[in-house]
Amino acid sequence: MTRLSCHNREVIFRKVCRLVETKHFNPKLNGVDWGSVVEARRDRILQIESPEEFEKEIHDLVSQLKTSQSENPRERTSLPSFCLTGVFGR
């Protein structure tokens, strides 16, 4: 089973959080205190080594914004695990 390194998880987590803060279509983030949501879930998410579980938790994090693009994770197609690790040149 492929695992994500601690460094890779941290990089992906920070990038997702930053993208939500800077690129979300609703600057008010639907009234969600994004910083508090991120801090409440950060440690748990960063401890996950399985790419599939990490992806699920990241998706759950983003789903807190209550937008149609972030709901119903089982109705979307998961990225293959190599997509996460491939970003880092492995």
Protein backbone atom coordinates (compact mmCIF):
# COMPACT_ATOMS: atom_id res chain seq x y z
CA MET A 1 0.00 0.00 0.00
CA THR A 2 1.30 3.43 -0.93
CA ARG A 3 1.73 5.85 1.96
CA LEU A 4 2.05 9.60 1.97
CA SER A 5 5.01 11.05 3.82
CA CYS A 6 4.39 13.55 6.60
CA HIS A 7 5.93 16.25 4.40
CA ASN A 8 3.66 15.42 1.46
CA ARG A 9 0.55 15.45 3.65
CA GLU A 10 1.52 18.83 5.10
CA VAL A 11 2.16 20.33 1.64
CA ILE A 12 -1.15 19.07 0.25
CA PHE A 13 -3.08 20.15 3.35
CA ARG A 14 -1.62 23.67 3.29
CA LYS A 15 -2.25 24.00 -0.44
CA VAL A 16 -5.90 22.94 -0.14
CA CYS A 17 -6.45 25.34 2.76
CA ARG A 18 -4.78 28.20 0.90
CA LEU A 19 -6.77 27.51 -2.28
CA VAL A 20 -10.03 27.60 -0.36
CA GLU A 21 -9.03 30.89 1.26
CA THR A 22 -7.94 32.54 -1.98
CA LYS A 23 -9.98 30.93 -4.76
CA HIS A 24 -13.36 29.97 -3.30
CA PHE A 25 -16.14 31.50 -5.39
CA ASN A 26 -17.77 32.95 -2.25
CA PRO A 27 -15.29 35.23 -0.43
CA LYS A 28 -17.35 34.87 2.78
CA LEU A 29 -17.01 31.05 2.54
CA ASN A 30 -20.74 30.62 3.13
CA GLY A 31 -20.34 32.04 6.63
CA VAL A 32 -18.04 29.20 7.71
CA ASP A 33 -15.15 30.07 10.03
CA TRP A 34 -12.66 28.27 7.80
CA GLY A 35 -9.70 28.91 10.08
CA SER A 36 -11.45 27.25 13.02
CA VAL A 37 -12.56 24.28 10.89
CA VAL A 38 -9.01 23.80 9.60
CA GLU A 39 -7.45 23.99 13.06
CA ALA A 40 -9.99 21.58 14.55
CA ARG A 41 -9.20 18.92 11.92
CA ARG A 42 -5.54 19.60 11.13
CA ASP A 43 -3.79 17.16 13.46
CA ARG A 44 -6.13 14.27 12.69
CA ILE A 45 -5.82 14.77 8.93
CA LEU A 46 -2.03 15.06 8.99
CA GLN A 47 -1.69 11.77 10.85
CA ILE A 48 -3.33 9.76 8.05
CA GLU A 49 -0.82 7.87 5.90
CA SER A 50 -3.20 6.12 3.49
CA PRO A 51 -3.72 8.24 0.35
CA GLU A 52 -7.35 7.09 0.10
CA GLU A 53 -8.17 7.99 3.71
CA PHE A 54 -6.24 11.26 3.44
CA GLU A 55 -8.23 12.19 0.33
CA LYS A 56 -11.49 11.34 2.11
CA GLU A 57 -10.60 13.52 5.11
CA ILE A 58 -9.54 16.42 2.88
CA HIS A 59 -12.83 16.11 1.04
CA ASP A 60 -14.72 16.05 4.35
CA LEU A 61 -12.82 19.18 5.38
CA VAL A 62 -13.81 21.05 2.22
CA SER A 63 -17.40 19.78 2.49
CA GLN A 64 -17.75 21.92 5.62
CA LEU A 65 -18.21 24.84 3.20
CA LYS A 66 -21.61 23.39 2.27
CA THR A 67 -21.31 23.84 -1.48
CA SER A 68 -22.71 21.48 -4.07
CA GLN A 69 -19.21 20.75 -5.40
CA SER A 70 -18.12 19.42 -2.01
CA GLU A 71 -21.08 17.23 -1.09
CA ASN A 72 -21.77 13.51 -1.63
CA PRO A 73 -18.20 12.16 -1.81
CA ARG A 74 -19.38 8.71 -2.98
CA GLU A 75 -20.99 10.23 -6.07
CA ARG A 76 -17.67 11.50 -7.37
CA THR A 77 -14.77 9.62 -8.83
CA SER A 78 -11.77 9.29 -6.53
CA LEU A 79 -8.35 10.23 -7.76
CA PRO A 80 -6.00 7.30 -8.08
CA SER A 81 -3.48 7.33 -5.24
CA PHE A 82 -0.64 7.98 -7.68
CA CYS A 83 -2.12 11.43 -8.34
CA LEU A 84 -1.25 12.55 -4.84
CA THR A 85 2.23 11.07 -4.73
CA GLY A 86 2.96 11.82 -8.38
CA VAL A 87 2.89 15.54 -7.61
CA PHE A 88 6.13 15.08 -5.71
CA GLY A 89 8.10 13.44 -8.51
CA ARG A 90 8.08 9.85 -7.28
